[in-house]
Protein backbone atom coordinates (compact mmCIF):
# COMPACT_ATOMS: atom_id res chain seq x y z
CA UNK A 1 -0.12 0.05 -0.15
CA UNK A 2 1.12 3.65 -0.81
CA UNK A 3 1.44 6.76 1.47
CA UNK A 4 0.23 9.99 -0.76
CA UNK A 5 0.79 13.80 0.05
CA UNK A 6 -2.35 15.66 -0.70
CA UNK A 7 -1.50 19.16 -1.10
CA UNK A 8 -4.75 21.24 -0.83
CA UNK A 9 -5.03 24.64 -2.58
CA UNK A 10 -1.44 26.14 -2.25
CA UNK A 11 -2.11 28.72 -5.07
CA UNK A 12 -1.23 32.21 -5.46
CA UNK A 13 -4.46 33.93 -4.48
CA UNK A 14 -4.18 32.08 -1.11
CA UNK A 15 -0.68 33.18 -0.41
CA UNK A 16 1.04 36.53 0.26
CA UNK A 17 -0.38 39.45 -1.75
CA UNK A 18 -3.17 37.07 -2.97
CA UNK A 19 -6.92 38.18 -3.17
CA UNK A 20 -7.66 35.75 -0.35
CA UNK A 21 -4.21 35.69 1.62
CA UNK A 22 -4.27 33.17 4.02
CA UNK A 23 -2.18 34.74 6.74
CA UNK A 24 1.28 32.80 6.89
CA UNK A 25 0.17 30.68 4.01
CA UNK A 26 3.88 30.96 2.04
CA UNK A 27 5.27 29.04 5.36
CA UNK A 28 4.14 25.83 4.60
CA UNK A 29 6.31 25.87 1.61
CA UNK A 30 9.43 24.20 3.28
CA UNK A 31 7.41 21.23 5.26
CA UNK A 32 5.36 20.32 2.08
CA UNK A 33 8.73 20.04 -0.04
CA UNK A 34 10.40 18.12 2.41
CA UNK A 35 7.11 15.66 2.63
CA UNK A 36 6.89 15.57 -1.18
CA UNK A 37 10.15 14.06 -1.62
CA UNK A 38 9.67 11.31 0.78
CA UNK A 39 6.21 9.85 0.12
CA UNK A 40 5.02 7.41 -2.51
CA UNK A 41 2.68 9.76 -4.50
CA UNK A 42 1.77 13.52 -4.51
CA UNK A 43 -1.24 15.16 -5.46
CA UNK A 44 -2.89 18.50 -5.32
CA UNK A 45 -6.26 19.94 -5.48
CA UNK A 46 -6.74 23.47 -7.11
CA UNK A 47 -9.65 26.09 -6.60
CA UNK A 48 -10.78 26.43 -10.19
CA UNK A 49 -13.54 28.78 -10.59
CA UNK A 50 -15.27 30.47 -13.17
CA UNK A 51 -15.43 34.34 -13.29
CA UNK A 52 -19.08 34.22 -11.69
CA UNK A 53 -18.56 31.76 -8.96
CA UNK A 54 -21.37 31.91 -6.54
CA UNK A 55 -18.85 32.20 -3.68
CA UNK A 56 -17.62 35.69 -4.73
CA UNK A 57 -18.91 38.91 -3.23
CA UNK A 58 -19.72 40.29 -6.66
CA UNK A 59 -22.03 37.38 -7.00
CA UNK A 60 -23.58 37.62 -3.30
CA UNK A 61 -21.04 35.09 -1.89
CA UNK A 62 -18.96 35.39 1.06
CA UNK A 63 -15.49 35.82 -0.59
CA UNK A 64 -13.28 38.14 -2.82
CA UNK A 65 -12.85 37.03 -6.23
CA UNK A 66 -10.05 34.37 -6.23
CA UNK A 67 -8.27 31.47 -8.19
CA UNK A 68 -10.38 31.98 -11.28
CA UNK A 69 -9.56 29.56 -13.99
CA UNK A 70 -6.47 30.58 -16.05
CA UNK A 71 -5.46 33.10 -14.03
CA UNK A 72 -2.22 33.86 -12.14
CA UNK A 73 -4.12 33.66 -8.88
CA UNK A 74 -5.15 29.91 -9.56
CA UNK A 75 -1.68 29.03 -10.10
CA UNK A 76 0.17 27.14 -7.86
CA UNK A 77 2.51 28.78 -5.44
CA UNK A 78 5.85 28.68 -6.98
CA UNK A 79 7.11 26.38 -4.32
CA UNK A 80 5.00 23.53 -5.91
CA UNK A 81 6.94 24.05 -9.22
CA UNK A 82 9.89 22.14 -7.18
CA UNK A 83 7.41 19.40 -6.69
CA UNK A 84 6.78 16.48 -9.00
CA UNK A 85 2.86 16.01 -8.82
CA UNK A 86 1.33 12.85 -9.95
CA UNK A 87 -1.97 14.18 -10.48
CA UNK A 88 -4.20 17.68 -9.93
CA UNK A 89 -7.45 17.60 -9.04
CA UNK A 90 -9.61 20.80 -9.70
CA UNK A 91 -12.54 21.72 -7.70
CA UNK A 92 -15.06 24.29 -7.43
CA UNK A 93 -15.23 24.35 -11.39
CA UNK A 94 -18.86 25.04 -11.52
CA UNK A 95 -20.76 28.41 -10.52
CA UNK A 96 -22.60 26.76 -8.01
CA UNK A 97 -19.82 24.23 -7.02
CA UNK A 98 -18.79 24.88 -3.37
CA UNK A 99 -15.30 23.40 -3.94
CA UNK A 100 -14.19 23.22 -0.15
CA UNK A 101 -13.38 19.48 -0.55
CA UNK A 102 -11.05 17.76 -2.79
CA UNK A 103 -13.27 15.25 -3.15
CA UNK A 104 -16.36 17.24 -4.09
CA UNK A 105 -17.38 16.17 -7.65
CA UNK A 106 -13.98 14.86 -8.33
CA UNK A 107 -12.28 11.86 -9.11
CA UNK A 108 -9.67 12.28 -6.36
CA UNK A 109 -11.11 9.34 -4.11
CA UNK A 110 -10.50 6.84 -7.32
CA UNK A 111 -7.02 8.68 -8.11
CA UNK A 112 -6.22 7.53 -4.60
CA UNK A 113 -7.50 3.97 -4.68
CA UNK A 114 -5.68 3.50 -8.33
CA UNK A 115 -2.41 4.40 -6.75
CA UNK A 116 -3.25 1.86 -4.17
CA UNK A 117 -3.13 4.55 -1.55
CA UNK A 118 -4.10 3.80 1.92
CA UNK A 119 -2.71 6.46 4.04
CA UNK A 120 -3.18 10.20 3.34
CA UNK A 121 -1.20 13.00 4.54
CA UNK A 122 -3.02 16.31 4.21
CA UNK A 123 -1.47 19.69 3.91
CA UNK A 124 -2.30 23.09 2.31
CA UNK A 125 -4.61 26.00 2.86
CA UNK A 126 -6.66 26.81 4.43
CA UNK A 127 -7.12 24.79 7.63
CA UNK A 128 -10.68 26.10 8.46
CA UNK A 129 -12.14 25.39 5.27
CA UNK A 130 -10.64 23.10 2.41
CA UNK A 131 -8.21 21.34 4.78
CA UNK A 132 -10.99 20.64 6.92
CA UNK A 133 -13.39 19.53 4.22
CA UNK A 134 -10.74 17.37 2.40
CA UNK A 135 -9.46 15.64 5.42
CA UNK A 136 -13.13 14.93 6.80
CA UNK A 137 -13.83 13.41 3.27
CA UNK A 138 -10.70 11.43 3.08
CA UNK A 139 -11.55 9.86 6.69
CA UNK A 140 -15.33 9.23 5.08
CA UNK A 141 -13.49 7.49 2.04
CA UNK A 142 -11.84 5.20 4.19
CA UNK A 143 -8.37 6.20 4.16
CA UNK A 144 -5.94 6.65 7.14
CA UNK A 145 -5.40 10.44 7.43
CA UNK A 146 -3.05 12.52 9.24
CA UNK A 147 -3.27 16.10 8.77
CA UNK A 148 0.58 17.87 8.77
CA UNK A 149 -0.12 20.59 11.61
CA UNK A 150 3.20 22.69 10.31
CA UNK A 151 2.05 22.39 6.70
CA UNK A 152 -1.47 24.10 7.17
CA UNK A 153 -2.56 27.70 7.90
CA UNK A 154 -5.89 28.96 8.34
CA UNK A 155 -8.25 31.96 7.22
CA UNK A 156 -9.32 32.44 10.82
CA UNK A 157 -12.56 34.36 9.71
CA UNK A 158 -13.58 33.92 13.46
CA UNK A 159 -10.94 33.49 16.24
CA UNK A 160 -10.25 29.83 17.05
CA UNK A 161 -11.78 28.49 13.65
CA UNK A 162 -8.60 26.64 12.72
CA UNK A 163 -8.37 24.99 16.30
CA UNK A 164 -12.08 24.14 15.96
CA UNK A 165 -11.54 22.51 12.41
CA UNK A 166 -8.40 20.61 13.64
CA UNK A 167 -11.16 19.36 16.56
CA UNK A 168 -13.54 18.13 13.76
CA UNK A 169 -10.77 16.45 11.79
CA UNK A 170 -9.78 14.35 14.75
CA UNK A 171 -13.24 13.56 15.57
CA UNK A 172 -13.81 12.13 11.91
CA UNK A 173 -11.02 10.04 12.60
CA UNK A 174 -7.95 12.02 11.23
CA UNK A 175 -4.73 12.11 13.30
CA UNK A 176 -2.47 15.13 13.35
CA UNK A 177 1.42 15.29 13.36
CA UNK A 178 4.14 17.69 12.27
CA UNK A 179 6.47 16.90 9.29
CA UNK A 180 9.44 16.32 11.54
CA UNK A 181 7.34 13.53 13.60
CA UNK A 182 6.13 12.11 10.12
CA UNK A 183 9.89 12.16 8.56
CA UNK A 184 11.58 10.68 11.99
CA UNK A 185 8.92 7.93 11.92
CA UNK A 186 9.54 7.29 8.10
CA UNK A 187 13.26 7.05 8.89
CA UNK A 188 12.61 4.78 11.71
CA UNK A 189 10.20 2.44 9.98
């Protein structure tokens, strides 16, 4: 069985200077790259919205316009250029698609199964939205899930959102660990 890194929405619009900047979003680059080089498979999800996506403030939604298909903001963070990806899964492609989970209206679960993956390490942006939804769905799909604490950052619309999200992920069956703990465990094993 294989172990996979699942990088959630590590995109320009969610990092420094982006339309929906996640505080400290750029800081996950180091742990993401270290883990990517040590796991069997690496997959990335990408917010990939149409220009009139229902979540945008311009359309009555809660968020600024972000990650519009084909724009610089929707491109992966430059650190991903140093990571060999086995597959990219686009979510939130339809106007009404929520797109928080990498599993929503995508073939991510099948891609993981086709790769003989049983263990998924989840990292990316943002802890309290897309990471949360993807980790919970990965648990529901039957994968063993570990959320990499130093490779996630939250939006924190309300104070404590990220901590609550971590609690919900744990309640769904996910474990949490740092990248250093995971790498030390891999070396020992």
